[in-house]
């Protein structure tokens, strides 16, 4: 029973984060639109420079748009030893005293 409860809890946490990282919208049957950008049916648009990297895909029939975050976001780290820097689309925890070294402590992150 404990394993079942642990599984349900873990699944629920991942489900919430995965849903938070994606959004949907409707297209008009001819194309999809994301913030003024037209995306043709069956095609994708990807933002690959941070922060806030994402990929949007228009369905084959142009009626559905799906956009998902593709960034890694640091959610917790030892603030007395580390700091967060942006590398491309992803946040990275590094030593506060030497950015060329990784953070010497426990780190939590969410991958979009």
C-alpha atoms as a PDB file:
ATOM      1  CA  UNK A   1       0.000   0.000   0.000  1.00  0.00           C
ATOM      2  CA  UNK A   2       2.851   2.395   0.808  1.00  0.00           C
ATOM      3  CA  UNK A   3       4.337   1.837  -2.651  1.00  0.00           C
ATOM      4  CA  UNK A   4       1.021   2.621  -4.281  1.00  0.00           C
ATOM      5  CA  UNK A   5       0.702   5.874  -2.324  1.00  0.00           C
ATOM      6  CA  UNK A   6       4.300   6.820  -3.201  1.00  0.00           C
ATOM      7  CA  UNK A   7       3.665   6.064  -6.890  1.00  0.00           C
ATOM      8  CA  UNK A   8       0.470   8.146  -6.966  1.00  0.00           C
ATOM      9  CA  UNK A   9       2.190  11.056  -5.194  1.00  0.00           C
ATOM     10  CA  UNK A  10       5.194  10.967  -7.548  1.00  0.00           C
ATOM     11  CA  UNK A  11       2.985  10.702 -10.633  1.00  0.00           C
ATOM     12  CA  UNK A  12       0.853  13.634  -9.436  1.00  0.00           C
ATOM     13  CA  UNK A  13       3.890  15.871  -8.954  1.00  0.00           C
ATOM     14  CA  UNK A  14       5.286  15.081 -12.418  1.00  0.00           C
ATOM     15  CA  UNK A  15       1.853  15.511 -13.998  1.00  0.00           C
ATOM     16  CA  UNK A  16       1.422  18.978 -12.492  1.00  0.00           C
ATOM     17  CA  UNK A  17       4.875  20.103 -13.652  1.00  0.00           C
ATOM     18  CA  UNK A  18       4.455  18.652 -17.140  1.00  0.00           C
ATOM     19  CA  UNK A  19       1.091  20.367 -17.539  1.00  0.00           C
ATOM     20  CA  UNK A  20       2.543  23.658 -16.325  1.00  0.00           C
ATOM     21  CA  UNK A  21       5.268  23.494 -18.977  1.00  0.00           C
ATOM     22  CA  UNK A  22       2.877  23.198 -21.955  1.00  0.00           C
ATOM     23  CA  UNK A  23      -0.053  25.169 -23.285  1.00  0.00           C
ATOM     24  CA  UNK A  24      -2.507  24.703 -26.119  1.00  0.00           C
ATOM     25  CA  UNK A  25      -4.514  26.943 -28.398  1.00  0.00           C
ATOM     26  CA  UNK A  26      -6.716  26.546 -31.456  1.00  0.00           C
ATOM     27  CA  UNK A  27      -5.776  27.240 -35.038  1.00  0.00           C
ATOM     28  CA  UNK A  28      -8.165  28.391 -37.763  1.00  0.00           C
ATOM     29  CA  UNK A  29      -7.787  25.369 -40.076  1.00  0.00           C
ATOM     30  CA  UNK A  30      -5.348  27.196 -42.353  1.00  0.00           C
ATOM     31  CA  UNK A  31      -2.568  28.025 -39.884  1.00  0.00           C
ATOM     32  CA  UNK A  32      -1.832  28.514 -36.184  1.00  0.00           C
ATOM     33  CA  UNK A  33      -0.770  31.778 -34.574  1.00  0.00           C
ATOM     34  CA  UNK A  34       1.586  32.300 -31.629  1.00  0.00           C
ATOM     35  CA  UNK A  35       2.126  35.897 -30.443  1.00  0.00           C
ATOM     36  CA  UNK A  36       1.637  37.247 -33.960  1.00  0.00           C
ATOM     37  CA  UNK A  37       3.833  34.583 -35.587  1.00  0.00           C
ATOM     38  CA  UNK A  38       2.108  32.371 -38.183  1.00  0.00           C
ATOM     39  CA  UNK A  39       2.952  28.669 -38.032  1.00  0.00           C
ATOM     40  CA  UNK A  40       1.835  26.568 -40.993  1.00  0.00           C
ATOM     41  CA  UNK A  41       0.113  23.187 -40.504  1.00  0.00           C
ATOM     42  CA  UNK A  42       2.553  20.402 -39.644  1.00  0.00           C
ATOM     43  CA  UNK A  43       5.326  22.895 -38.914  1.00  0.00           C
ATOM     44  CA  UNK A  44       7.028  24.041 -35.705  1.00  0.00           C
ATOM     45  CA  UNK A  45       8.565  27.213 -34.372  1.00  0.00           C
ATOM     46  CA  UNK A  46      11.267  26.996 -31.732  1.00  0.00           C
ATOM     47  CA  UNK A  47      12.877  29.707 -29.634  1.00  0.00           C
ATOM     48  CA  UNK A  48      16.379  28.499 -28.736  1.00  0.00           C
ATOM     49  CA  UNK A  49      17.830  31.479 -26.894  1.00  0.00           C
ATOM     50  CA  UNK A  50      17.085  32.019 -23.209  1.00  0.00           C
ATOM     51  CA  UNK A  51      15.414  32.800 -21.085  1.00  0.00           C
ATOM     52  CA  UNK A  52      12.027  31.210 -21.783  1.00  0.00           C
ATOM     53  CA  UNK A  53      12.848  28.785 -24.587  1.00  0.00           C
ATOM     54  CA  UNK A  54       9.911  26.884 -26.098  1.00  0.00           C
ATOM     55  CA  UNK A  55       8.728  24.890 -29.090  1.00  0.00           C
ATOM     56  CA  UNK A  56       5.323  25.390 -30.721  1.00  0.00           C
ATOM     57  CA  UNK A  57       3.860  22.893 -33.174  1.00  0.00           C
ATOM     58  CA  UNK A  58       0.807  23.402 -35.383  1.00  0.00           C
ATOM     59  CA  UNK A  59      -1.244  20.248 -36.033  1.00  0.00           C
ATOM     60  CA  UNK A  60      -1.345  18.729 -39.544  1.00  0.00           C
ATOM     61  CA  UNK A  61      -4.840  20.133 -40.116  1.00  0.00           C
ATOM     62  CA  UNK A  62      -4.042  23.586 -38.679  1.00  0.00           C
ATOM     63  CA  UNK A  63      -6.679  23.395 -35.946  1.00  0.00           C
ATOM     64  CA  UNK A  64      -4.502  22.885 -32.865  1.00  0.00           C
ATOM     65  CA  UNK A  65      -1.366  24.581 -31.517  1.00  0.00           C
ATOM     66  CA  UNK A  66       0.782  23.040 -28.782  1.00  0.00           C
ATOM     67  CA  UNK A  67       3.598  25.015 -27.126  1.00  0.00           C
ATOM     68  CA  UNK A  68       5.978  23.534 -24.551  1.00  0.00           C
ATOM     69  CA  UNK A  69       8.755  25.045 -22.474  1.00  0.00           C
ATOM     70  CA  UNK A  70      12.157  23.520 -23.272  1.00  0.00           C
ATOM     71  CA  UNK A  71      14.208  25.250 -20.557  1.00  0.00           C
ATOM     72  CA  UNK A  72      15.700  23.856 -17.370  1.00  0.00           C
ATOM     73  CA  UNK A  73      14.770  25.957 -14.348  1.00  0.00           C
ATOM     74  CA  UNK A  74      16.634  25.620 -11.040  1.00  0.00           C
ATOM     75  CA  UNK A  75      14.094  25.480  -8.204  1.00  0.00           C
ATOM     76  CA  UNK A  76      16.367  25.103  -5.171  1.00  0.00           C
ATOM     77  CA  UNK A  77      20.077  25.213  -4.384  1.00  0.00           C
ATOM     78  CA  UNK A  78      22.327  26.147  -1.430  1.00  0.00           C
ATOM     79  CA  UNK A  79      22.295  29.934  -1.761  1.00  0.00           C
ATOM     80  CA  UNK A  80      25.271  30.401   0.556  1.00  0.00           C
ATOM     81  CA  UNK A  81      27.543  28.383  -1.790  1.00  0.00           C
ATOM     82  CA  UNK A  82      25.972  28.716  -5.228  1.00  0.00           C
ATOM     83  CA  UNK A  83      24.335  31.020  -7.722  1.00  0.00           C
ATOM     84  CA  UNK A  84      22.262  30.451 -10.845  1.00  0.00           C
ATOM     85  CA  UNK A  85      23.460  31.521 -14.295  1.00  0.00           C
ATOM     86  CA  UNK A  86      21.790  31.250 -17.697  1.00  0.00           C
ATOM     87  CA  UNK A  87      23.508  29.000 -20.241  1.00  0.00           C
ATOM     88  CA  UNK A  88      21.587  29.056 -23.526  1.00  0.00           C
ATOM     89  CA  UNK A  89      18.023  28.127 -22.571  1.00  0.00           C
ATOM     90  CA  UNK A  90      18.934  26.510 -19.292  1.00  0.00           C
ATOM     91  CA  UNK A  91      19.643  27.752 -15.815  1.00  0.00           C
ATOM     92  CA  UNK A  92      22.747  26.209 -14.270  1.00  0.00           C
ATOM     93  CA  UNK A  93      23.800  26.210 -10.609  1.00  0.00           C
ATOM     94  CA  UNK A  94      27.492  27.030 -10.197  1.00  0.00           C
ATOM     95  CA  UNK A  95      29.832  27.815  -7.326  1.00  0.00           C
ATOM     96  CA  UNK A  96      29.332  31.340  -6.044  1.00  0.00           C
ATOM     97  CA  UNK A  97      33.115  31.713  -5.765  1.00  0.00           C
ATOM     98  CA  UNK A  98      34.167  30.081  -9.085  1.00  0.00           C
ATOM     99  CA  UNK A  99      31.603  29.957 -11.920  1.00  0.00           C
ATOM    100  CA  UNK A 100      33.688  27.346 -13.766  1.00  0.00           C
ATOM    101  CA  UNK A 101      32.841  24.804 -11.048  1.00  0.00           C
ATOM    102  CA  UNK A 102      29.456  23.167 -10.470  1.00  0.00           C
ATOM    103  CA  UNK A 103      27.436  23.891  -7.363  1.00  0.00           C
ATOM    104  CA  UNK A 104      28.765  21.762  -4.472  1.00  0.00           C
ATOM    105  CA  UNK A 105      25.403  20.922  -2.962  1.00  0.00           C
ATOM    106  CA  UNK A 106      21.965  19.486  -3.551  1.00  0.00           C
ATOM    107  CA  UNK A 107      20.128  21.048  -6.498  1.00  0.00           C
ATOM    108  CA  UNK A 108      16.559  20.682  -7.711  1.00  0.00           C
ATOM    109  CA  UNK A 109      15.428  21.629 -11.186  1.00  0.00           C
ATOM    110  CA  UNK A 110      12.488  21.342 -13.537  1.00  0.00           C
ATOM    111  CA  UNK A 111      13.042  20.450 -17.180  1.00  0.00           C
ATOM    112  CA  UNK A 112      10.396  21.977 -19.451  1.00  0.00           C
END
